Amino acid sequence: MKAIILAAGQGTRLKKYTQDLPKGMLVFQGKTLIERQIDLYRKCGINEIIVVRGYAADKIKYEGVRYYNNDEFSTTNMVESLLTARTEFTDNTIVSYSDVLFDELMLRAMIDTKGDISVAVDDNWKKYWLKRYGRIDFDTESLIIDDQNHIISIGLGNPSVDKIDARYIGLLKFSKNALTRILDLWNRDYDEYQKKPWQQSGKCIRQAYMTDLLNAIIQNGHPVEAIRFNNGWIEFDTNDDYERASQWTTDGSINQLLRM
């Protein structure tokens, strides 16, 4: 099994703490976010680790890691970054966002999944959102799960709360076969959606979010399994996120969300 860490983004909303650094290089409790992910992958037995870099690529340097660069990071998004490493699509693969910390329990559960496409989701996301924002109707996206734990729709921004069965985390597992299907789907749609919306986010295909890719896979008739958790992760998307997480560490409340 391999792991691909997507770390190409600039992270402009963290610039107070990441001047000239990719946001995955933010230091939290003595280690960068990327270093924490690498350490956890290795602890869980995944030693083939790939990092897709972009903004300030030269700042991400860890031994024993393979690198690919999305040189067009400023005009593309997550899916384009993933496809930059397409030559690595030769084994089952965990994919993670570089600005997310997830605990060992979550990663081991994802490794053990058997489906072709597995997506970590948080059933208890409202607890995190209330601590993070003080509200649950901000920075949300749709995610609807059927009674077989299959995601049937994902990626519509700021939906009504009844269209959010759980929160997408940014940790996924793809089988080798699923990665081949993703390449086929991407090649099929790439030219047609260069200048028009591809999925529910309204982005063209080169600026597509990972949730856009998942929704396209679902529409193409392939099952996407929701792997359900109750917290166990935190995201560092803004200056406020970092400051809150640092405070939660100080007062011990971070243990309610993430087992350090």
Protein backbone atom coordinates (compact mmCIF):
# COMPACT_ATOMS: atom_id res chain seq x y z
CA MET A 1 0.00 0.00 0.00
CA LYS A 2 1.10 3.56 -0.76
CA ALA A 3 0.22 6.96 0.65
CA ILE A 4 -0.06 10.19 -1.32
CA ILE A 5 -0.05 13.47 0.60
CA LEU A 6 -1.47 16.40 -1.39
CA ALA A 7 0.59 19.45 -0.44
CA ALA A 8 0.61 21.73 -3.47
CA GLY A 9 -1.64 24.52 -2.20
CA GLN A 10 -0.46 27.94 -1.12
CA GLY A 11 -2.63 28.25 1.97
CA THR A 12 -3.17 32.00 1.79
CA ARG A 13 -5.50 31.96 4.80
CA LEU A 14 -2.62 30.77 7.02
CA LYS A 15 -0.11 33.40 5.93
CA LYS A 16 0.20 34.85 9.43
CA TYR A 17 2.09 31.67 10.33
CA THR A 18 3.33 30.26 7.02
CA GLN A 19 5.20 33.06 5.28
CA ASP A 20 6.74 31.55 2.12
CA LEU A 21 5.77 28.06 3.28
CA PRO A 22 3.21 25.51 2.07
CA LYS A 23 0.54 25.18 4.74
CA GLY A 24 1.48 21.55 5.30
CA MET A 25 4.75 22.87 6.72
CA LEU A 26 2.96 24.63 9.56
CA VAL A 27 4.56 23.55 12.84
CA PHE A 28 2.17 22.14 15.41
CA GLN A 29 3.45 20.83 18.72
CA GLY A 30 7.02 20.66 17.48
CA LYS A 31 6.46 18.97 14.12
CA THR A 32 5.14 20.06 10.77
CA LEU A 33 1.75 18.73 9.69
CA ILE A 34 3.38 16.78 6.86
CA GLU A 35 5.98 15.30 9.21
CA ARG A 36 3.22 14.16 11.52
CA GLN A 37 1.45 12.42 8.65
CA ILE A 38 4.65 10.75 7.44
CA ASP A 39 5.42 9.49 10.94
CA LEU A 40 1.91 8.10 11.34
CA TYR A 41 1.95 6.38 7.95
CA ARG A 42 5.22 4.69 8.81
CA LYS A 43 3.94 3.69 12.25
CA CYS A 44 1.00 2.01 10.51
CA GLY A 45 3.26 0.12 8.09
CA ILE A 46 3.04 2.32 4.99
CA ASN A 47 6.56 3.13 3.83
CA GLU A 48 5.92 4.08 0.20
CA ILE A 49 5.01 7.73 0.73
CA ILE A 50 4.56 10.28 -2.04
CA VAL A 51 4.16 14.03 -1.55
CA VAL A 52 2.74 16.22 -4.31
CA ARG A 53 4.28 19.66 -3.92
CA GLY A 54 3.50 22.98 -5.60
CA TYR A 55 3.84 26.30 -3.83
CA ALA A 56 7.33 26.70 -2.30
CA ALA A 57 8.10 23.11 -3.27
CA ASP A 58 11.71 23.36 -2.17
CA LYS A 59 10.59 23.82 1.46
CA ILE A 60 9.23 20.25 1.66
CA LYS A 61 12.17 17.89 2.11
CA TYR A 62 11.95 14.59 3.98
CA GLU A 63 14.14 11.54 3.55
CA GLY A 64 12.66 8.38 2.12
CA VAL A 65 9.77 10.18 0.40
CA ARG A 66 9.10 10.46 -3.33
CA TYR A 67 8.05 13.81 -4.74
CA TYR A 68 6.00 15.10 -7.66
CA ASN A 69 5.45 18.78 -8.39
CA ASN A 70 2.23 20.39 -9.60
CA ASP A 71 3.84 23.38 -11.25
CA GLU A 72 0.43 24.84 -12.07
CA PHE A 73 -0.72 24.85 -8.45
CA SER A 74 -1.96 28.45 -8.65
CA THR A 75 -4.53 27.67 -11.36
CA THR A 76 -5.46 24.08 -10.47
CA ASN A 77 -6.67 22.18 -7.42
CA MET A 78 -6.65 18.85 -5.55
CA VAL A 79 -7.58 16.49 -8.37
CA GLU A 80 -4.99 17.90 -10.74
CA SER A 81 -2.41 17.50 -7.97
CA LEU A 82 -3.42 13.87 -7.44
CA LEU A 83 -3.14 13.18 -11.16
CA THR A 84 0.36 14.68 -11.15
CA ALA A 85 1.39 11.47 -9.37
CA ARG A 86 -0.50 9.15 -11.73
CA THR A 87 2.58 7.02 -12.38
CA GLU A 88 2.25 5.88 -8.75
CA PHE A 89 -1.20 4.38 -9.35
CA THR A 90 0.16 0.83 -9.15
CA ASP A 91 -1.16 -0.25 -5.74
CA ASN A 92 -3.88 0.42 -3.20
CA THR A 93 -3.36 3.98 -2.01
CA ILE A 94 -4.33 6.20 0.89
CA VAL A 95 -4.71 9.87 -0.08
CA SER A 96 -4.60 12.66 2.50
CA TYR A 97 -4.70 16.44 2.55
CA SER A 98 -1.56 17.96 4.02
CA ASP A 99 -3.47 20.39 6.25
CA VAL A 100 -5.39 17.69 8.13
CA LEU A 101 -4.27 15.76 11.20
CA PHE A 102 -6.02 12.45 11.81
CA ASP A 103 -5.42 9.97 14.59
CA GLU A 104 -3.99 6.47 14.39
CA LEU A 105 -7.33 4.81 14.98
CA MET A 106 -8.76 6.52 11.91
CA LEU A 107 -5.81 5.68 9.67
CA ARG A 108 -5.76 2.02 10.69
CA ALA A 109 -9.49 1.74 10.02
CA MET A 110 -9.00 3.24 6.56
CA ILE A 111 -6.14 0.87 5.80
CA ASP A 112 -8.34 -2.09 6.74
CA THR A 113 -11.25 -1.16 4.46
CA LYS A 114 -12.01 -3.59 1.63
CA GLY A 115 -13.99 -1.48 -0.84
CA ASP A 116 -12.63 0.04 -4.04
CA ILE A 117 -13.21 3.60 -2.85
CA SER A 118 -13.45 4.48 0.83
CA VAL A 119 -13.92 7.98 2.22
CA ALA A 120 -13.46 8.96 5.87
CA VAL A 121 -16.39 11.00 7.19
CA ASP A 122 -17.24 12.43 10.62
CA ASP A 123 -20.72 11.70 11.98
CA ASN A 124 -20.04 13.94 14.97
CA TRP A 125 -18.86 16.90 12.90
CA LYS A 126 -21.25 19.35 14.56
CA LYS A 127 -19.32 19.05 17.83
CA TYR A 128 -16.12 20.04 16.02
CA TRP A 129 -17.84 22.82 14.08
CA LEU A 130 -19.26 24.35 17.25
CA LYS A 131 -15.80 24.40 18.81
CA ARG A 132 -14.26 25.66 15.60
CA TYR A 133 -16.79 28.26 14.44
CA GLY A 134 -19.46 28.47 17.12
CA ARG A 135 -22.03 27.49 14.49
CA ILE A 136 -22.83 24.62 12.12
CA ASP A 137 -24.08 26.56 9.12
CA PHE A 138 -20.70 27.87 7.95
CA ASP A 139 -18.09 26.41 5.56
CA THR A 140 -20.15 23.32 4.85
CA GLU A 141 -20.77 21.05 1.87
CA SER A 142 -23.32 18.39 1.11
CA LEU A 143 -22.71 14.72 1.82
CA ILE A 144 -25.60 12.29 1.59
CA ILE A 145 -25.23 8.64 2.64
CA ASP A 146 -27.70 5.86 1.86
CA ASP A 147 -28.69 2.95 4.13
CA GLN A 148 -25.81 0.84 2.75
CA ASN A 149 -23.21 3.43 3.83
CA HIS A 150 -22.63 4.52 0.25
CA ILE A 151 -22.17 8.20 -0.48
CA ILE A 152 -24.75 9.11 -3.11
CA SER A 153 -24.05 12.85 -3.44
CA ILE A 154 -21.25 15.14 -2.29
CA GLY A 155 -19.74 18.55 -2.88
CA LEU A 156 -22.52 21.14 -3.03
CA GLY A 157 -21.37 24.20 -1.11
CA ASN A 158 -23.34 25.64 1.81
CA PRO A 159 -26.34 23.28 1.61
CA SER A 160 -29.17 23.04 4.09
CA VAL A 161 -28.13 21.02 7.15
CA ASP A 162 -30.47 18.17 6.20
CA LYS A 163 -28.20 17.46 3.23
CA ILE A 164 -25.17 16.89 5.49
CA ASP A 165 -25.26 13.34 6.86
CA ALA A 166 -21.59 13.60 7.86
CA ARG A 167 -18.54 15.78 7.23
CA TYR A 168 -15.95 14.93 4.58
CA ILE A 169 -12.51 14.84 6.21
CA GLY A 170 -9.84 14.71 3.49
CA LEU A 171 -8.65 11.11 3.99
CA LEU A 172 -9.45 8.53 1.32
CA LYS A 173 -8.47 5.08 0.13
CA PHE A 174 -8.47 3.96 -3.51
CA SER A 175 -7.82 0.45 -4.77
CA LYS A 176 -5.52 0.00 -7.75
CA ASN A 177 -8.58 -0.77 -9.89
CA ALA A 178 -10.34 2.39 -8.71
CA LEU A 179 -7.33 4.50 -9.63
CA THR A 180 -7.43 3.05 -13.13
CA ARG A 181 -11.12 3.97 -13.39
CA ILE A 182 -10.35 7.49 -12.18
CA LEU A 183 -7.82 7.91 -14.96
CA ASP A 184 -10.36 6.70 -17.52
CA LEU A 185 -13.01 9.09 -16.18
CA TRP A 186 -10.56 12.00 -16.12
CA ASN A 187 -9.44 11.37 -19.69
CA ARG A 188 -13.06 11.10 -20.82
CA ASP A 189 -14.14 14.43 -19.29
CA TYR A 190 -10.94 16.47 -19.43
CA ASP A 191 -11.38 18.25 -22.76
CA GLU A 192 -15.11 18.82 -22.43
CA TYR A 193 -14.96 20.52 -19.02
CA GLN A 194 -11.96 22.76 -19.47
CA LYS A 195 -14.06 25.92 -19.44
CA LYS A 196 -17.36 24.91 -17.87
CA PRO A 197 -18.47 23.48 -14.53
CA TRP A 198 -17.71 19.81 -14.06
CA GLN A 199 -19.55 18.97 -10.82
CA GLN A 200 -21.50 20.54 -7.95
CA SER A 201 -18.79 22.98 -6.87
CA GLY A 202 -19.17 24.78 -10.20
CA LYS A 203 -15.44 24.51 -10.89
CA CYS A 204 -13.98 23.52 -14.24
CA ILE A 205 -12.17 20.20 -14.28
CA ARG A 206 -8.65 21.55 -13.74
CA GLN A 207 -9.82 23.43 -10.64
CA ALA A 208 -11.90 20.53 -9.34
CA TYR A 209 -12.01 19.59 -5.69
CA MET A 210 -11.64 15.98 -4.57
CA THR A 211 -15.34 15.99 -3.73
CA ASP A 212 -16.02 16.81 -7.40
CA LEU A 213 -14.08 13.73 -8.42
CA LEU A 214 -15.99 11.60 -5.94
CA ASN A 215 -19.32 12.90 -7.21
CA ALA A 216 -18.28 12.16 -10.79
CA ILE A 217 -17.34 8.61 -9.77
CA ILE A 218 -20.74 8.19 -8.10
CA GLN A 219 -22.56 9.50 -11.17
CA ASN A 220 -20.56 7.02 -13.25
CA GLY A 221 -22.12 4.18 -11.27
CA HIS A 222 -19.24 3.18 -9.01
CA PRO A 223 -19.93 2.79 -5.27
CA VAL A 224 -18.14 5.11 -2.85
CA GLU A 225 -18.21 3.83 0.72
CA ALA A 226 -18.43 6.17 3.71
CA ILE A 227 -16.18 5.04 6.57
CA ARG A 228 -17.81 6.64 9.57
CA PHE A 229 -16.01 8.13 12.57
CA ASN A 230 -16.83 10.29 15.56
CA ASN A 231 -14.23 13.07 15.46
CA GLY A 232 -10.53 12.03 15.46
CA TRP A 233 -9.28 14.79 13.15
CA ILE A 234 -8.65 18.51 12.90
CA GLU A 235 -8.05 20.80 9.93
CA PHE A 236 -5.67 23.75 9.63
CA ASP A 237 -7.21 25.94 6.96
CA THR A 238 -6.98 29.42 8.51
CA ASN A 239 -5.00 31.43 11.03
CA ASP A 240 -7.92 31.01 13.45
CA ASP A 241 -7.78 27.22 13.06
CA TYR A 242 -4.14 27.19 14.14
CA GLU A 243 -4.72 29.52 17.06
CA ARG A 244 -7.73 27.53 18.27
CA ALA A 245 -5.91 24.21 18.00
CA SER A 246 -2.99 25.62 19.95
CA GLN A 247 -5.38 26.76 22.68
CA TRP A 248 -7.14 23.40 22.71
CA THR A 249 -3.77 21.74 23.24
CA THR A 250 -3.01 24.07 26.13
CA ASP A 251 -6.29 23.41 27.93
CA GLY A 252 -6.45 19.73 27.01
CA SER A 253 -9.71 19.90 25.09
CA ILE A 254 -8.01 18.79 21.87
CA ASN A 255 -8.13 15.25 23.28
CA GLN A 256 -11.89 15.33 22.70
CA LEU A 257 -11.28 15.75 18.98
CA LEU A 258 -7.87 14.25 18.25
CA ARG A 259 -5.96 11.65 20.27
CA MET A 260 -2.42 13.01 20.16
